[in-house]
């Protein structure tokens, strides 16, 4: 019985670690040689770790924008209300080489203020 609990606990830790590793992608999957600027309205906003994310409705498509971790966003003054649904933003960053219409933000401008995210 004791060995079964240890095995189950070990499997649970492995499963959580694997999911976290898959969910947190590296920055190598973005093309820094092709920066883009996306201007539009925030449709959705998720202010949670590992990274805050927003969906921005640009004139030609909807972009998924990966922002900084929430601790860095807060340290730079970009609280959750800065990236709230309905805000108009301009985001500069790098497109994903894996996911279509997804980008990693280097900076975001909202309400006349620019926040450096890296």
PDB file of N, CA and C in Angstrom:
ATOM      1  N   UNK A   1       0.824  -1.190   0.000  1.00  0.00           N
ATOM      2  CA  UNK A   1       0.000   0.000   0.000  1.00  0.00           C
ATOM      3  C   UNK A   1       0.871   1.258   0.000  1.00  0.00           C
ATOM      4  N   UNK A   2       1.928   1.247   0.842  1.00  0.00           N
ATOM      5  CA  UNK A   2       2.810   2.398   0.940  1.00  0.00           C
ATOM      6  C   UNK A   2       3.521   2.647  -0.389  1.00  0.00           C
ATOM      7  N   UNK A   3       3.945   1.579  -1.065  1.00  0.00           N
ATOM      8  CA  UNK A   3       4.629   1.709  -2.349  1.00  0.00           C
ATOM      9  C   UNK A   3       3.686   2.270  -3.423  1.00  0.00           C
ATOM     10  N   UNK A   4       2.426   1.901  -3.338  1.00  0.00           N
ATOM     11  CA  UNK A   4       1.438   2.400  -4.288  1.00  0.00           C
ATOM     12  C   UNK A   4       1.267   3.907  -4.137  1.00  0.00           C
ATOM     13  N   UNK A   5       1.198   4.390  -2.896  1.00  0.00           N
ATOM     14  CA  UNK A   5       1.058   5.836  -2.659  1.00  0.00           C
ATOM     15  C   UNK A   5       2.279   6.600  -3.170  1.00  0.00           C
ATOM     16  N   UNK A   6       3.454   6.053  -2.927  1.00  0.00           N
ATOM     17  CA  UNK A   6       4.685   6.695  -3.400  1.00  0.00           C
ATOM     18  C   UNK A   6       4.696   6.735  -4.924  1.00  0.00           C
ATOM     19  N   UNK A   7       4.300   5.647  -5.560  1.00  0.00           N
ATOM     20  CA  UNK A   7       4.264   5.598  -7.025  1.00  0.00           C
ATOM     21  C   UNK A   7       3.262   6.602  -7.579  1.00  0.00           C
ATOM     22  N   UNK A   8       2.086   6.677  -6.959  1.00  0.00           N
ATOM     23  CA  UNK A   8       1.061   7.628  -7.408  1.00  0.00           C
ATOM     24  C   UNK A   8       1.546   9.060  -7.208  1.00  0.00           C
ATOM     25  N   UNK A   9       2.160   9.351  -6.074  1.00  0.00           N
ATOM     26  CA  UNK A   9       2.685  10.702  -5.817  1.00  0.00           C
ATOM     27  C   UNK A   9       3.769  11.051  -6.824  1.00  0.00           C
ATOM     28  N   UNK A  10       4.647  10.101  -7.103  1.00  0.00           N
ATOM     29  CA  UNK A  10       5.707  10.337  -8.088  1.00  0.00           C
ATOM     30  C   UNK A  10       5.143  10.593  -9.471  1.00  0.00           C
ATOM     31  N   UNK A  11       4.138   9.807  -9.858  1.00  0.00           N
ATOM     32  CA  UNK A  11       3.499  10.002 -11.160  1.00  0.00           C
ATOM     33  C   UNK A  11       2.812  11.363 -11.233  1.00  0.00           C
ATOM     34  N   UNK A  12       2.150  11.762 -10.155  1.00  0.00           N
ATOM     35  CA  UNK A  12       1.466  13.061 -10.130  1.00  0.00           C
ATOM     36  C   UNK A  12       2.450  14.205 -10.306  1.00  0.00           C
ATOM     37  N   UNK A  13       3.584  14.138  -9.633  1.00  0.00           N
ATOM     38  CA  UNK A  13       4.616  15.184  -9.765  1.00  0.00           C
ATOM     39  C   UNK A  13       5.143  15.216 -11.183  1.00  0.00           C
ATOM     40  N   UNK A  14       5.394  14.045 -11.765  1.00  0.00           N
ATOM     41  CA  UNK A  14       5.884  13.966 -13.145  1.00  0.00           C
ATOM     42  C   UNK A  14       4.874  14.566 -14.113  1.00  0.00           C
ATOM     43  N   UNK A  15       3.598  14.255 -13.926  1.00  0.00           N
ATOM     44  CA  UNK A  15       2.551  14.768 -14.806  1.00  0.00           C
ATOM     45  C   UNK A  15       2.464  16.289 -14.732  1.00  0.00           C
ATOM     46  N   UNK A  16       2.488  16.853 -13.528  1.00  0.00           N
ATOM     47  CA  UNK A  16       2.418  18.307 -13.354  1.00  0.00           C
ATOM     48  C   UNK A  16       3.641  18.973 -13.975  1.00  0.00           C
ATOM     49  N   UNK A  17       4.815  18.409 -13.750  1.00  0.00           N
ATOM     50  CA  UNK A  17       6.047  18.972 -14.311  1.00  0.00           C
ATOM     51  C   UNK A  17       6.017  18.935 -15.828  1.00  0.00           C
ATOM     52  N   UNK A  18       5.537  17.851 -16.396  1.00  0.00           N
ATOM     53  CA  UNK A  18       5.467  17.718 -17.850  1.00  0.00           C
ATOM     54  C   UNK A  18       4.501  18.732 -18.443  1.00  0.00           C
ATOM     55  N   UNK A  19       3.332  18.885 -17.830  1.00  0.00           N
ATOM     56  CA  UNK A  19       2.353  19.856 -18.323  1.00  0.00           C
ATOM     57  C   UNK A  19       2.920  21.262 -18.250  1.00  0.00           C
ATOM     58  N   UNK A  20       3.579  21.617 -17.156  1.00  0.00           N
ATOM     59  CA  UNK A  20       4.162  22.951 -17.017  1.00  0.00           C
ATOM     60  C   UNK A  20       5.238  23.182 -18.067  1.00  0.00           C
ATOM     61  N   UNK A  21       6.048  22.188 -18.334  1.00  0.00           N
ATOM     62  CA  UNK A  21       7.112  22.336 -19.332  1.00  0.00           C
ATOM     63  C   UNK A  21       6.539  22.521 -20.729  1.00  0.00           C
ATOM     64  N   UNK A  22       5.482  21.795 -21.039  1.00  0.00           N
ATOM     65  CA  UNK A  22       4.857  21.933 -22.357  1.00  0.00           C
ATOM     66  C   UNK A  22       4.159  23.285 -22.475  1.00  0.00           C
ATOM     67  N   UNK A  23       3.505  23.724 -21.411  1.00  0.00           N
ATOM     68  CA  UNK A  23       2.768  24.991 -21.449  1.00  0.00           C
ATOM     69  C   UNK A  23       3.710  26.183 -21.570  1.00  0.00           C
ATOM     70  N   UNK A  24       4.905  26.093 -21.004  1.00  0.00           N
ATOM     71  CA  UNK A  24       5.843  27.201 -21.062  1.00  0.00           C
ATOM     72  C   UNK A  24       6.850  26.953 -22.175  1.00  0.00           C
ATOM     73  N   UNK A  25       6.644  27.612 -23.289  1.00  0.00           N
ATOM     74  CA  UNK A  25       7.509  27.440 -24.441  1.00  0.00           C
ATOM     75  C   UNK A  25       8.717  28.356 -24.341  1.00  0.00           C
ATOM     76  N   UNK A  26       9.771  27.988 -25.007  1.00  0.00           N
ATOM     77  CA  UNK A  26      10.960  28.832 -25.019  1.00  0.00           C
ATOM     78  C   UNK A  26      10.829  29.965 -26.007  1.00  0.00           C
ATOM     79  N   UNK A  27      11.716  30.936 -25.887  1.00  0.00           N
ATOM     80  CA  UNK A  27      11.676  32.091 -26.791  1.00  0.00           C
ATOM     81  C   UNK A  27      12.284  31.769 -28.144  1.00  0.00           C
ATOM     82  N   UNK A  28      12.879  30.592 -28.314  1.00  0.00           N
ATOM     83  CA  UNK A  28      13.469  30.208 -29.597  1.00  0.00           C
ATOM     84  C   UNK A  28      12.444  30.013 -30.694  1.00  0.00           C
ATOM     85  N   UNK A  29      11.177  29.924 -30.343  1.00  0.00           N
ATOM     86  CA  UNK A  29      10.143  29.709 -31.361  1.00  0.00           C
ATOM     87  C   UNK A  29       9.557  31.016 -31.896  1.00  0.00           C
ATOM     88  N   UNK A  30      10.291  32.119 -31.711  1.00  0.00           N
ATOM     89  CA  UNK A  30       9.871  33.418 -32.252  1.00  0.00           C
ATOM     90  C   UNK A  30      10.971  33.948 -33.155  1.00  0.00           C
ATOM     91  N   UNK A  31      10.575  34.603 -34.230  1.00  0.00           N
ATOM     92  CA  UNK A  31      11.537  35.086 -35.224  1.00  0.00           C
ATOM     93  C   UNK A  31      11.877  36.558 -34.998  1.00  0.00           C
ATOM     94  N   UNK A  32      12.984  36.800 -34.284  1.00  0.00           N
ATOM     95  CA  UNK A  32      13.404  38.171 -33.972  1.00  0.00           C
ATOM     96  C   UNK A  32      13.872  38.929 -35.201  1.00  0.00           C
ATOM     97  N   UNK A  33      14.090  38.240 -36.312  1.00  0.00           N
ATOM     98  CA  UNK A  33      14.524  38.925 -37.539  1.00  0.00           C
ATOM     99  C   UNK A  33      13.347  39.527 -38.304  1.00  0.00           C
ATOM    100  N   UNK A  34      12.111  39.247 -37.857  1.00  0.00           N
ATOM    101  CA  UNK A  34      10.912  39.752 -38.539  1.00  0.00           C
ATOM    102  C   UNK A  34       9.958  40.414 -37.554  1.00  0.00           C
ATOM    103  N   UNK A  35      10.382  41.510 -36.912  1.00  0.00           N
ATOM    104  CA  UNK A  35       9.494  42.150 -35.926  1.00  0.00           C
ATOM    105  C   UNK A  35       8.208  42.650 -36.571  1.00  0.00           C
ATOM    106  N   UNK A  36       7.148  42.620 -35.778  1.00  0.00           N
ATOM    107  CA  UNK A  36       5.843  43.101 -36.232  1.00  0.00           C
ATOM    108  C   UNK A  36       5.271  44.059 -35.196  1.00  0.00           C
ATOM    109  N   UNK A  37       4.422  44.939 -35.666  1.00  0.00           N
ATOM    110  CA  UNK A  37       3.653  45.816 -34.789  1.00  0.00           C
ATOM    111  C   UNK A  37       2.186  45.526 -35.053  1.00  0.00           C
ATOM    112  N   UNK A  38       1.468  45.235 -34.002  1.00  0.00           N
ATOM    113  CA  UNK A  38       0.039  44.929 -34.103  1.00  0.00           C
ATOM    114  C   UNK A  38      -0.719  46.014 -33.369  1.00  0.00           C
ATOM    115  N   UNK A  39      -1.648  46.646 -34.075  1.00  0.00           N
ATOM    116  CA  UNK A  39      -2.497  47.684 -33.496  1.00  0.00           C
ATOM    117  C   UNK A  39      -3.933  47.189 -33.513  1.00  0.00           C
ATOM    118  N   UNK A  40      -4.619  47.355 -32.389  1.00  0.00           N
ATOM    119  CA  UNK A  40      -6.011  46.943 -32.353  1.00  0.00           C
ATOM    120  C   UNK A  40      -6.592  46.983 -30.967  1.00  0.00           C
ATOM    121  N   UNK A  41      -7.730  46.331 -30.832  1.00  0.00           N
ATOM    122  CA  UNK A  41      -8.490  46.312 -29.586  1.00  0.00           C
ATOM    123  C   UNK A  41      -8.325  44.962 -28.905  1.00  0.00           C
ATOM    124  N   UNK A  42      -8.160  44.986 -27.590  1.00  0.00           N
ATOM    125  CA  UNK A  42      -8.031  43.748 -26.829  1.00  0.00           C
ATOM    126  C   UNK A  42      -9.401  43.077 -26.729  1.00  0.00           C
ATOM    127  N   UNK A  43      -9.459  41.829 -27.218  1.00  0.00           N
ATOM    128  CA  UNK A  43     -10.691  41.042 -27.159  1.00  0.00           C
ATOM    129  C   UNK A  43     -10.755  40.173 -25.911  1.00  0.00           C
ATOM    130  N   UNK A  44      -9.605  39.601 -25.526  1.00  0.00           N
ATOM    131  CA  UNK A  44      -9.522  38.793 -24.314  1.00  0.00           C
ATOM    132  C   UNK A  44      -8.216  39.127 -23.606  1.00  0.00           C
ATOM    133  N   UNK A  45      -8.211  38.947 -22.302  1.00  0.00           N
ATOM    134  CA  UNK A  45      -7.013  39.225 -21.517  1.00  0.00           C
ATOM    135  C   UNK A  45      -6.924  38.220 -20.375  1.00  0.00           C
ATOM    136  N   UNK A  46      -5.760  37.594 -20.251  1.00  0.00           N
ATOM    137  CA  UNK A  46      -5.503  36.650 -19.175  1.00  0.00           C
ATOM    138  C   UNK A  46      -4.268  37.127 -18.446  1.00  0.00           C
ATOM    139  N   UNK A  47      -4.433  37.563 -17.219  1.00  0.00           N
ATOM    140  CA  UNK A  47      -3.337  38.109 -16.423  1.00  0.00           C
ATOM    141  C   UNK A  47      -2.957  37.079 -15.369  1.00  0.00           C
ATOM    142  N   UNK A  48      -2.238  36.044 -15.827  1.00  0.00           N
ATOM    143  CA  UNK A  48      -1.805  34.975 -14.932  1.00  0.00           C
ATOM    144  C   UNK A  48      -0.517  34.369 -15.472  1.00  0.00           C
ATOM    145  N   UNK A  49       0.195  33.657 -14.587  1.00  0.00           N
ATOM    146  CA  UNK A  49       1.453  33.036 -14.987  1.00  0.00           C
ATOM    147  C   UNK A  49       1.198  31.760 -15.783  1.00  0.00           C
ATOM    148  N   UNK A  50       2.108  31.330 -16.664  1.00  0.00           N
ATOM    149  CA  UNK A  50       3.479  31.816 -16.715  1.00  0.00           C
ATOM    150  C   UNK A  50       3.636  33.159 -17.433  1.00  0.00           C
ATOM    151  N   UNK A  51       2.670  33.546 -18.271  1.00  0.00           N
ATOM    152  CA  UNK A  51       2.733  34.831 -18.964  1.00  0.00           C
ATOM    153  C   UNK A  51       1.329  35.384 -19.107  1.00  0.00           C
ATOM    154  N   UNK A  52       1.217  36.682 -19.028  1.00  0.00           N
ATOM    155  CA  UNK A  52      -0.049  37.315 -19.368  1.00  0.00           C
ATOM    156  C   UNK A  52      -0.222  37.183 -20.875  1.00  0.00           C
ATOM    157  N   UNK A  53      -1.451  37.046 -21.327  1.00  0.00           N
ATOM    158  CA  UNK A  53      -1.724  36.966 -22.761  1.00  0.00           C
ATOM    159  C   UNK A  53      -2.949  37.798 -23.092  1.00  0.00           C
ATOM    160  N   UNK A  54      -2.954  38.315 -24.305  1.00  0.00           N
ATOM    161  CA  UNK A  54      -4.118  39.045 -24.798  1.00  0.00           C
ATOM    162  C   UNK A  54      -4.391  38.604 -26.230  1.00  0.00           C
ATOM    163  N   UNK A  55      -5.622  38.746 -26.644  1.00  0.00           N
ATOM    164  CA  UNK A  55      -5.994  38.568 -28.048  1.00  0.00           C
ATOM    165  C   UNK A  55      -6.321  39.958 -28.567  1.00  0.00           C
ATOM    166  N   UNK A  56      -5.669  40.342 -29.662  1.00  0.00           N
ATOM    167  CA  UNK A  56      -5.835  41.684 -30.220  1.00  0.00           C
ATOM    168  C   UNK A  56      -6.472  41.584 -31.598  1.00  0.00           C
ATOM    169  N   UNK A  57      -7.581  42.297 -31.779  1.00  0.00           N
ATOM    170  CA  UNK A  57      -8.251  42.334 -33.081  1.00  0.00           C
ATOM    171  C   UNK A  57      -7.616  43.435 -33.909  1.00  0.00           C
ATOM    172  N   UNK A  58      -6.729  43.029 -34.818  1.00  0.00           N
ATOM    173  CA  UNK A  58      -6.097  43.952 -35.758  1.00  0.00           C
ATOM    174  C   UNK A  58      -7.013  44.068 -36.979  1.00  0.00           C
ATOM    175  N   UNK A  59      -6.747  45.015 -37.886  1.00  0.00           N
ATOM    176  CA  UNK A  59      -7.608  45.158 -39.056  1.00  0.00           C
ATOM    177  C   UNK A  59      -7.698  43.894 -39.924  1.00  0.00           C
ATOM    178  N   UNK A  60      -6.615  43.114 -39.982  1.00  0.00           N
ATOM    179  CA  UNK A  60      -6.596  41.969 -40.896  1.00  0.00           C
ATOM    180  C   UNK A  60      -6.797  40.609 -40.236  1.00  0.00           C
ATOM    181  N   UNK A  61      -6.584  40.504 -38.907  1.00  0.00           N
ATOM    182  CA  UNK A  61      -6.702  39.220 -38.212  1.00  0.00           C
ATOM    183  C   UNK A  61      -6.685  39.429 -36.708  1.00  0.00           C
ATOM    184  N   UNK A  62      -6.893  38.349 -36.000  1.00  0.00           N
ATOM    185  CA  UNK A  62      -6.795  38.370 -34.539  1.00  0.00           C
ATOM    186  C   UNK A  62      -5.469  37.739 -34.149  1.00  0.00           C
ATOM    187  N   UNK A  63      -4.693  38.454 -33.350  1.00  0.00           N
ATOM    188  CA  UNK A  63      -3.388  38.000 -32.881  1.00  0.00           C
ATOM    189  C   UNK A  63      -3.476  37.553 -31.430  1.00  0.00           C
ATOM    190  N   UNK A  64      -2.816  36.454 -31.114  1.00  0.00           N
ATOM    191  CA  UNK A  64      -2.595  36.047 -29.736  1.00  0.00           C
ATOM    192  C   UNK A  64      -1.248  36.623 -29.348  1.00  0.00           C
ATOM    193  N   UNK A  65      -1.224  37.440 -28.309  1.00  0.00           N
ATOM    194  CA  UNK A  65      -0.002  38.133 -27.901  1.00  0.00           C
ATOM    195  C   UNK A  65       0.437  37.626 -26.532  1.00  0.00           C
ATOM    196  N   UNK A  66       1.645  37.048 -26.492  1.00  0.00           N
ATOM    197  CA  UNK A  66       2.230  36.599 -25.242  1.00  0.00           C
ATOM    198  C   UNK A  66       2.997  37.770 -24.645  1.00  0.00           C
ATOM    199  N   UNK A  67       2.581  38.187 -23.468  1.00  0.00           N
ATOM    200  CA  UNK A  67       3.222  39.298 -22.774  1.00  0.00           C
ATOM    201  C   UNK A  67       4.257  38.740 -21.800  1.00  0.00           C
ATOM    202  N   UNK A  68       4.701  39.522 -20.865  1.00  0.00           N
ATOM    203  CA  UNK A  68       5.683  39.107 -19.868  1.00  0.00           C
ATOM    204  C   UNK A  68       4.996  38.357 -18.728  1.00  0.00           C
ATOM    205  N   UNK A  69       5.776  37.714 -17.862  1.00  0.00           N
ATOM    206  CA  UNK A  69       5.191  37.150 -16.645  1.00  0.00           C
ATOM    207  C   UNK A  69       4.533  38.276 -15.830  1.00  0.00           C
ATOM    208  N   UNK A  70       3.522  37.922 -15.064  1.00  0.00           N
ATOM    209  CA  UNK A  70       2.780  38.959 -14.342  1.00  0.00           C
ATOM    210  C   UNK A  70       3.669  39.734 -13.369  1.00  0.00           C
ATOM    211  N   UNK A  71       4.654  39.084 -12.764  1.00  0.00           N
ATOM    212  CA  UNK A  71       5.535  39.801 -11.837  1.00  0.00           C
ATOM    213  C   UNK A  71       6.301  40.911 -12.557  1.00  0.00           C
ATOM    214  N   UNK A  72       6.740  40.652 -13.781  1.00  0.00           N
ATOM    215  CA  UNK A  72       7.450  41.673 -14.553  1.00  0.00           C
ATOM    216  C   UNK A  72       6.489  42.763 -15.021  1.00  0.00           C
ATOM    217  N   UNK A  73       5.290  42.363 -15.407  1.00  0.00           N
ATOM    218  CA  UNK A  73       4.290  43.352 -15.826  1.00  0.00           C
ATOM    219  C   UNK A  73       4.011  44.313 -14.673  1.00  0.00           C
ATOM    220  N   UNK A  74       3.792  43.770 -13.491  1.00  0.00           N
ATOM    221  CA  UNK A  74       3.495  44.598 -12.313  1.00  0.00           C
ATOM    222  C   UNK A  74       4.683  45.497 -11.990  1.00  0.00           C
ATOM    223  N   UNK A  75       5.896  44.955 -12.046  1.00  0.00           N
ATOM    224  CA  UNK A  75       7.099  45.744 -11.743  1.00  0.00           C
ATOM    225  C   UNK A  75       7.256  46.916 -12.704  1.00  0.00           C
ATOM    226  N   UNK A  76       6.764  46.773 -13.915  1.00  0.00           N
ATOM    227  CA  UNK A  76       6.879  47.836 -14.914  1.00  0.00           C
ATOM    228  C   UNK A  76       5.643  48.734 -14.965  1.00  0.00           C
ATOM    229  N   UNK A  77       4.703  48.488 -14.058  1.00  0.00           N
ATOM    230  CA  UNK A  77       3.514  49.333 -13.975  1.00  0.00           C
ATOM    231  C   UNK A  77       2.371  48.911 -14.867  1.00  0.00           C
ATOM    232  N   UNK A  78       2.508  47.788 -15.543  1.00  0.00           N
ATOM    233  CA  UNK A  78       1.453  47.301 -16.436  1.00  0.00           C
ATOM    234  C   UNK A  78       0.580  46.313 -15.672  1.00  0.00           C
ATOM    235  N   UNK A  79      -0.314  46.846 -14.867  1.00  0.00           N
ATOM    236  CA  UNK A  79      -1.211  46.022 -14.073  1.00  0.00           C
ATOM    237  C   UNK A  79      -2.305  45.438 -14.962  1.00  0.00           C
ATOM    238  N   UNK A  80      -3.107  44.570 -14.406  1.00  0.00           N
ATOM    239  CA  UNK A  80      -4.157  43.898 -15.187  1.00  0.00           C
ATOM    240  C   UNK A  80      -5.077  44.891 -15.898  1.00  0.00           C
ATOM    241  N   UNK A  81      -5.382  46.022 -15.268  1.00  0.00           N
ATOM    242  CA  UNK A  81      -6.283  46.994 -15.908  1.00  0.00           C
ATOM    243  C   UNK A  81      -5.655  47.668 -17.125  1.00  0.00           C
ATOM    244  N   UNK A  82      -4.340  47.640 -17.235  1.00  0.00           N
ATOM    245  CA  UNK A  82      -3.661  48.222 -18.410  1.00  0.00           C
ATOM    246  C   UNK A  82      -3.969  47.396 -19.658  1.00  0.00           C
ATOM    247  N   UNK A  83      -4.091  46.077 -19.477  1.00  0.00           N
ATOM    248  CA  UNK A  83      -4.350  45.194 -20.620  1.00  0.00           C
ATOM    249  C   UNK A  83      -5.765  44.601 -20.542  1.00  0.00           C
ATOM    250  N   UNK A  84      -6.709  45.432 -20.131  1.00  0.00           N
ATOM    251  CA  UNK A  84      -8.096  45.002 -19.983  1.00  0.00           C
ATOM    252  C   UNK A  84      -8.806  44.922 -21.332  1.00  0.00           C
ATOM    253  N   UNK A  85      -9.796  44.076 -21.394  1.00  0.00           N
ATOM    254  CA  UNK A  85     -10.615  43.932 -22.593  1.00  0.00           C
ATOM    255  C   UNK A  85     -11.196  45.289 -22.979  1.00  0.00           C
ATOM    256  N   UNK A  86     -11.142  45.607 -24.270  1.00  0.00           N
ATOM    257  CA  UNK A  86     -11.676  46.858 -24.788  1.00  0.00           C
ATOM    258  C   UNK A  86     -10.638  47.941 -24.997  1.00  0.00           C
ATOM    259  N   UNK A  87      -9.468  47.802 -24.366  1.00  0.00           N
ATOM    260  CA  UNK A  87      -8.394  48.796 -24.540  1.00  0.00           C
ATOM    261  C   UNK A  87      -7.835  48.713 -25.958  1.00  0.00           C
ATOM    262  N   UNK A  88      -7.441  49.869 -26.486  1.00  0.00           N
ATOM    263  CA  UNK A  88      -6.756  49.915 -27.775  1.00  0.00           C
ATOM    264  C   UNK A  88      -5.265  49.918 -27.503  1.00  0.00           C
ATOM    265  N   UNK A  89      -4.545  49.014 -28.184  1.00  0.00           N
ATOM    266  CA  UNK A  89      -3.120  48.839 -27.921  1.00  0.00           C
ATOM    267  C   UNK A  89      -2.315  48.829 -29.225  1.00  0.00           C
ATOM    268  N   UNK A  90      -1.032  49.070 -29.053  1.00  0.00           N
ATOM    269  CA  UNK A  90      -0.053  48.865 -30.110  1.00  0.00           C
ATOM    270  C   UNK A  90       1.022  47.986 -29.489  1.00  0.00           C
ATOM    271  N   UNK A  91       1.261  46.835 -30.092  1.00  0.00           N
ATOM    272  CA  UNK A  91       2.206  45.864 -29.540  1.00  0.00           C
ATOM    273  C   UNK A  91       3.311  45.613 -30.562  1.00  0.00           C
ATOM    274  N   UNK A  92       4.557  45.721 -30.095  1.00  0.00           N
ATOM    275  CA  UNK A  92       5.721  45.442 -30.933  1.00  0.00           C
ATOM    276  C   UNK A  92       6.361  44.158 -30.427  1.00  0.00           C
ATOM    277  N   UNK A  93       6.661  43.253 -31.348  1.00  0.00           N
ATOM    278  CA  UNK A  93       7.286  42.000 -30.929  1.00  0.00           C
ATOM    279  C   UNK A  93       7.637  41.123 -32.103  1.00  0.00           C
ATOM    280  N   UNK A  94       7.737  39.833 -31.817  1.00  0.00           N
ATOM    281  CA  UNK A  94       8.228  38.873 -32.790  1.00  0.00           C
ATOM    282  C   UNK A  94       7.196  37.786 -33.041  1.00  0.00           C
ATOM    283  N   UNK A  95       6.958  37.461 -34.319  1.00  0.00           N
ATOM    284  CA  UNK A  95       5.968  36.434 -34.643  1.00  0.00           C
ATOM    285  C   UNK A  95       6.477  35.033 -34.295  1.00  0.00           C
ATOM    286  N   UNK A  96       5.540  34.171 -33.973  1.00  0.00           N
ATOM    287  CA  UNK A  96       5.867  32.779 -33.680  1.00  0.00           C
ATOM    288  C   UNK A  96       6.236  32.060 -34.969  1.00  0.00           C
ATOM    289  N   UNK A  97       7.171  31.135 -34.864  1.00  0.00           N
ATOM    290  CA  UNK A  97       7.519  30.284 -35.997  1.00  0.00           C
ATOM    291  C   UNK A  97       6.721  28.987 -35.939  1.00  0.00           C
ATOM    292  N   UNK A  98       5.909  28.843 -34.888  1.00  0.00           N
ATOM    293  CA  UNK A  98       5.153  27.611 -34.668  1.00  0.00           C
ATOM    294  C   UNK A  98       3.652  27.841 -34.799  1.00  0.00           C
ATOM    295  N   UNK A  99       3.143  28.870 -34.133  1.00  0.00           N
ATOM    296  CA  UNK A  99       1.713  29.163 -34.105  1.00  0.00           C
ATOM    297  C   UNK A  99       1.385  30.351 -35.004  1.00  0.00           C
ATOM    298  N   UNK A 100       0.480  30.156 -35.930  1.00  0.00           N
ATOM    299  CA  UNK A 100       0.064  31.237 -36.819  1.00  0.00           C
ATOM    300  C   UNK A 100      -0.658  32.321 -36.017  1.00  0.00           C
ATOM    301  N   UNK A 101      -0.375  33.581 -36.319  1.00  0.00           N
ATOM    302  CA  UNK A 101      -1.022  34.737 -35.686  1.00  0.00           C
ATOM    303  C   UNK A 101      -0.765  34.819 -34.183  1.00  0.00           C
ATOM    304  N   UNK A 102       0.417  34.382 -33.764  1.00  0.00           N
ATOM    305  CA  UNK A 102       0.817  34.488 -32.363  1.00  0.00           C
ATOM    306  C   UNK A 102       2.147  35.213 -32.319  1.00  0.00           C
ATOM    307  N   UNK A 103       2.345  36.029 -31.298  1.00  0.00           N
ATOM    308  CA  UNK A 103       3.584  36.789 -31.181  1.00  0.00           C
ATOM    309  C   UNK A 103       4.000  36.937 -29.731  1.00  0.00           C
ATOM    310  N   UNK A 104       5.279  37.211 -29.523  1.00  0.00           N
ATOM    311  CA  UNK A 104       5.843  37.534 -28.214  1.00  0.00           C
ATOM    312  C   UNK A 104       6.064  39.035 -28.186  1.00  0.00           C
ATOM    313  N   UNK A 105       5.506  39.704 -27.213  1.00  0.00           N
ATOM    314  CA  UNK A 105       5.601  41.159 -27.139  1.00  0.00           C
ATOM    315  C   UNK A 105       6.892  41.604 -26.466  1.00  0.00           C
ATOM    316  N   UNK A 106       7.539  42.581 -27.063  1.00  0.00           N
ATOM    317  CA  UNK A 106       8.693  43.245 -26.459  1.00  0.00           C
ATOM    318  C   UNK A 106       8.240  44.499 -25.720  1.00  0.00           C
ATOM    319  N   UNK A 107       7.243  45.168 -26.287  1.00  0.00           N
ATOM    320  CA  UNK A 107       6.691  46.363 -25.644  1.00  0.00           C
ATOM    321  C   UNK A 107       5.243  46.528 -26.073  1.00  0.00           C
ATOM    322  N   UNK A 108       4.499  47.202 -25.209  1.00  0.00           N
ATOM    323  CA  UNK A 108       3.090  47.461 -25.484  1.00  0.00           C
ATOM    324  C   UNK A 108       2.791  48.912 -25.131  1.00  0.00           C
ATOM    325  N   UNK A 109       2.025  49.564 -25.983  1.00  0.00           N
ATOM    326  CA  UNK A 109       1.598  50.949 -25.730  1.00  0.00           C
ATOM    327  C   UNK A 109       0.089  50.959 -25.535  1.00  0.00           C
ATOM    328  N   UNK A 110      -0.319  51.583 -24.419  1.00  0.00           N
ATOM    329  CA  UNK A 110      -1.726  51.652 -24.047  1.00  0.00           C
ATOM    330  C   UNK A 110      -1.985  53.030 -23.462  1.00  0.00           C
ATOM    331  N   UNK A 111      -3.030  53.691 -23.913  1.00  0.00           N
ATOM    332  CA  UNK A 111      -3.415  54.997 -23.360  1.00  0.00           C
ATOM    333  C   UNK A 111      -2.249  55.993 -23.357  1.00  0.00           C
ATOM    334  N   UNK A 112      -1.445  55.994 -24.414  1.00  0.00           N
ATOM    335  CA  UNK A 112      -0.350  56.956 -24.546  1.00  0.00           C
ATOM    336  C   UNK A 112       0.892  56.620 -23.741  1.00  0.00           C
ATOM    337  N   UNK A 113       0.934  55.474 -23.101  1.00  0.00           N
ATOM    338  CA  UNK A 113       2.103  55.074 -22.310  1.00  0.00           C
ATOM    339  C   UNK A 113       2.658  53.761 -22.861  1.00  0.00           C
ATOM    340  N   UNK A 114       3.994  53.683 -22.946  1.00  0.00           N
ATOM    341  CA  UNK A 114       4.664  52.485 -23.441  1.00  0.00           C
ATOM    342  C   UNK A 114       5.313  51.734 -22.283  1.00  0.00           C
ATOM    343  N   UNK A 115       5.111  50.423 -22.266  1.00  0.00           N
ATOM    344  CA  UNK A 115       5.672  49.550 -21.237  1.00  0.00           C
ATOM    345  C   UNK A 115       6.651  48.586 -21.906  1.00  0.00           C
ATOM    346  N   UNK A 116       7.893  48.598 -21.469  1.00  0.00           N
ATOM    347  CA  UNK A 116       8.905  47.661 -21.949  1.00  0.00           C
ATOM    348  C   UNK A 116       8.724  46.365 -21.175  1.00  0.00           C
ATOM    349  N   UNK A 117       8.621  45.252 -21.890  1.00  0.00           N
ATOM    350  CA  UNK A 117       8.290  43.990 -21.243  1.00  0.00           C
ATOM    351  C   UNK A 117       9.472  43.045 -21.094  1.00  0.00           C
ATOM    352  N   UNK A 118      10.578  43.314 -21.728  1.00  0.00           N
ATOM    353  CA  UNK A 118      11.731  42.377 -21.647  1.00  0.00           C
ATOM    354  C   UNK A 118      12.847  42.953 -20.845  1.00  0.00           C
TER     355      UNK A 118
END
